[in-house]
Amino acid sequence: MNNQINYIIYALLILFAAGSVSLVIRKLPATKVEKKEEFFCGTETHNSYSFSKIANKGKGLFLNKCASCHNVYEDGTGPALMEFENRGVWADRKNLYEWVRNPSVFMEKDFYTQALKRQYGSVMTAFPDLSNEDIDAIAEYINESSD
């Protein structure tokens, strides 16, 4: 009889402990996880975020010119572009302009872009039609998407 009473007491203690833990967990503040929706080739939507005017222009250019090979967040046919200005020689916009307009010529003198070719197995398509303003807009879109 004593064993049965001990088992009942242990069972009640376990139920009480489980109930207490459940109450404590419910009282903890919930952390909000922001889910980013992905579109074709990794362009994202910001339902509660609006881009600057220049970044909006850059988004359209990015979708038209870049998104078939690049994603802001993940590697694809080409490297992910988030924080691209912290890699290679891209902090200097003159290098970026030259690269975008004529990657093959730029790569002849730059080891970083030569390594990209070895890694991805191809060279970026040239976009000689893009102005400095267009390239700046695309960069602004990438930077604002990365925030």
Protein backbone atom coordinates (compact mmCIF):
# COMPACT_ATOMS: atom_id res chain seq x y z
CA MET A 1 0.00 0.00 0.00
CA ASN A 2 2.87 2.37 0.76
CA ASN A 3 4.29 1.78 -2.74
CA GLN A 4 0.96 2.72 -4.32
CA ILE A 5 0.79 5.93 -2.30
CA ASN A 6 4.40 6.75 -3.25
CA TYR A 7 3.62 6.22 -6.95
CA ILE A 8 0.55 8.44 -6.70
CA ILE A 9 2.56 11.17 -4.96
CA TYR A 10 5.35 10.93 -7.59
CA ALA A 11 2.79 11.06 -10.40
CA LEU A 12 1.15 14.15 -8.87
CA LEU A 13 4.55 15.82 -8.46
CA ILE A 14 5.43 15.10 -12.08
CA LEU A 15 2.08 16.49 -13.28
CA PHE A 16 2.53 19.56 -11.09
CA ALA A 17 6.08 20.12 -12.43
CA ALA A 18 4.94 19.69 -16.05
CA GLY A 19 2.09 22.14 -15.51
CA SER A 20 4.44 24.68 -13.92
CA VAL A 21 6.90 24.41 -16.80
CA SER A 22 4.06 24.89 -19.26
CA LEU A 23 2.91 28.04 -17.46
CA VAL A 24 6.44 29.45 -17.39
CA ILE A 25 6.89 28.80 -21.10
CA ARG A 26 3.62 30.54 -21.90
CA LYS A 27 4.71 33.60 -19.93
CA LEU A 28 7.99 33.97 -21.85
CA PRO A 29 7.91 36.77 -24.41
CA ALA A 30 7.58 35.51 -27.93
CA THR A 31 10.31 36.43 -30.35
CA LYS A 32 9.12 37.46 -33.75
CA VAL A 33 10.88 35.75 -36.62
CA GLU A 34 10.67 37.81 -39.77
CA LYS A 35 10.14 35.63 -42.80
CA LYS A 36 11.39 36.94 -46.09
CA GLU A 37 9.39 35.92 -49.09
CA GLU A 38 11.48 34.95 -52.09
CA PHE A 39 10.64 35.66 -55.69
CA PHE A 40 12.30 34.28 -58.79
CA CYS A 41 16.08 34.34 -58.41
CA GLY A 42 15.99 35.57 -54.84
CA THR A 43 14.61 39.05 -55.13
CA GLU A 44 12.65 39.79 -52.02
CA THR A 45 9.55 41.68 -51.11
CA HIS A 46 9.38 44.02 -48.16
CA ASN A 47 5.73 44.17 -47.20
CA SER A 48 6.35 46.77 -44.49
CA TYR A 49 9.39 48.41 -46.05
CA SER A 50 9.53 50.83 -48.90
CA PHE A 51 12.67 51.36 -50.90
CA SER A 52 14.10 54.76 -51.63
CA LYS A 53 13.34 56.19 -55.06
CA ILE A 54 16.77 55.25 -56.43
CA ALA A 55 16.52 51.70 -54.97
CA ASN A 56 13.10 51.26 -56.61
CA LYS A 57 14.71 52.08 -59.94
CA GLY A 58 17.53 49.67 -59.07
CA LYS A 59 15.07 46.91 -58.24
CA GLY A 60 13.60 47.08 -61.73
CA LEU A 61 17.06 47.07 -63.29
CA PHE A 62 18.15 44.21 -61.04
CA LEU A 63 15.15 42.11 -62.03
CA ASN A 64 15.72 42.85 -65.70
CA LYS A 65 19.51 42.59 -65.88
CA CYS A 66 20.87 40.69 -62.86
CA ALA A 67 18.31 38.33 -61.35
CA SER A 68 18.78 35.56 -63.90
CA CYS A 69 22.26 34.89 -62.43
CA HIS A 70 22.40 36.69 -59.08
CA ASN A 71 20.52 36.56 -55.81
CA VAL A 72 20.95 39.09 -53.02
CA TYR A 73 21.25 36.39 -50.32
CA GLU A 74 22.43 33.14 -51.91
CA ASP A 75 24.94 32.04 -54.50
CA GLY A 76 23.46 31.04 -57.83
CA THR A 77 25.02 31.08 -61.27
CA GLY A 78 26.91 34.07 -59.85
CA PRO A 79 27.75 35.03 -56.27
CA ALA A 80 25.26 36.39 -53.74
CA LEU A 81 25.42 40.17 -53.86
CA MET A 82 24.65 41.08 -50.25
CA GLU A 83 27.51 43.22 -48.91
CA PHE A 84 29.31 42.98 -52.25
CA GLU A 85 31.08 46.28 -51.60
CA ASN A 86 33.03 44.61 -48.79
CA ARG A 87 34.57 42.09 -51.22
CA GLY A 88 37.12 42.46 -53.96
CA VAL A 89 37.54 45.92 -55.40
CA TRP A 90 33.85 46.90 -55.41
CA ALA A 91 34.11 49.58 -52.74
CA ASP A 92 35.51 51.78 -55.52
CA ARG A 93 32.55 52.46 -57.80
CA LYS A 94 34.88 53.16 -60.74
CA ASN A 95 35.90 49.50 -60.62
CA LEU A 96 32.26 48.44 -60.41
CA TYR A 97 31.31 50.56 -63.42
CA GLU A 98 34.18 49.14 -65.45
CA TRP A 99 33.36 45.56 -64.40
CA VAL A 100 29.65 45.80 -65.20
CA ARG A 101 30.27 47.30 -68.62
CA ASN A 102 33.12 45.00 -69.68
CA PRO A 103 33.85 42.11 -67.29
CA SER A 104 36.28 40.29 -69.60
CA VAL A 105 38.61 43.27 -69.95
CA PHE A 106 38.40 44.10 -66.23
CA MET A 107 39.17 40.51 -65.28
CA GLU A 108 42.44 40.55 -67.25
CA LYS A 109 43.97 42.80 -64.57
CA ASP A 110 42.09 41.69 -61.45
CA PHE A 111 42.82 38.51 -59.48
CA TYR A 112 39.58 38.65 -57.48
CA THR A 113 37.39 38.46 -60.59
CA GLN A 114 39.66 35.77 -62.05
CA ALA A 115 38.95 33.72 -58.92
CA LEU A 116 35.21 34.30 -59.41
CA LYS A 117 35.48 32.89 -62.92
CA ARG A 118 37.25 29.79 -61.60
CA GLN A 119 34.66 29.37 -58.84
CA TYR A 120 31.53 29.85 -60.94
CA GLY A 121 32.83 28.63 -64.28
CA SER A 122 31.70 31.65 -66.27
CA VAL A 123 32.15 35.38 -66.70
CA MET A 124 29.40 37.88 -66.05
CA THR A 125 27.53 39.22 -69.08
CA ALA A 126 28.62 42.71 -70.09
CA PHE A 127 26.08 45.52 -69.74
CA PRO A 128 27.61 48.41 -71.70
CA ASP A 129 24.21 50.12 -71.86
CA LEU A 130 24.03 50.74 -68.10
CA SER A 131 24.91 54.26 -66.98
CA ASN A 132 26.73 55.06 -63.74
CA GLU A 133 23.37 56.16 -62.36
CA ASP A 134 21.82 52.79 -63.30
CA ILE A 135 24.66 50.86 -61.64
CA ASP A 136 24.38 53.06 -58.54
CA ALA A 137 20.63 52.35 -58.42
CA ILE A 138 21.21 48.59 -58.59
CA ALA A 139 23.83 48.87 -55.83
CA GLU A 140 21.41 50.88 -53.71
CA TYR A 141 18.69 48.23 -54.19
CA ILE A 142 21.11 45.47 -53.12
CA ASN A 143 22.25 47.49 -50.10
CA GLU A 144 18.70 48.32 -49.00
CA SER A 145 17.65 44.68 -49.50
CA SER A 146 20.51 43.60 -47.25
CA ASP A 147 19.42 45.79 -44.32
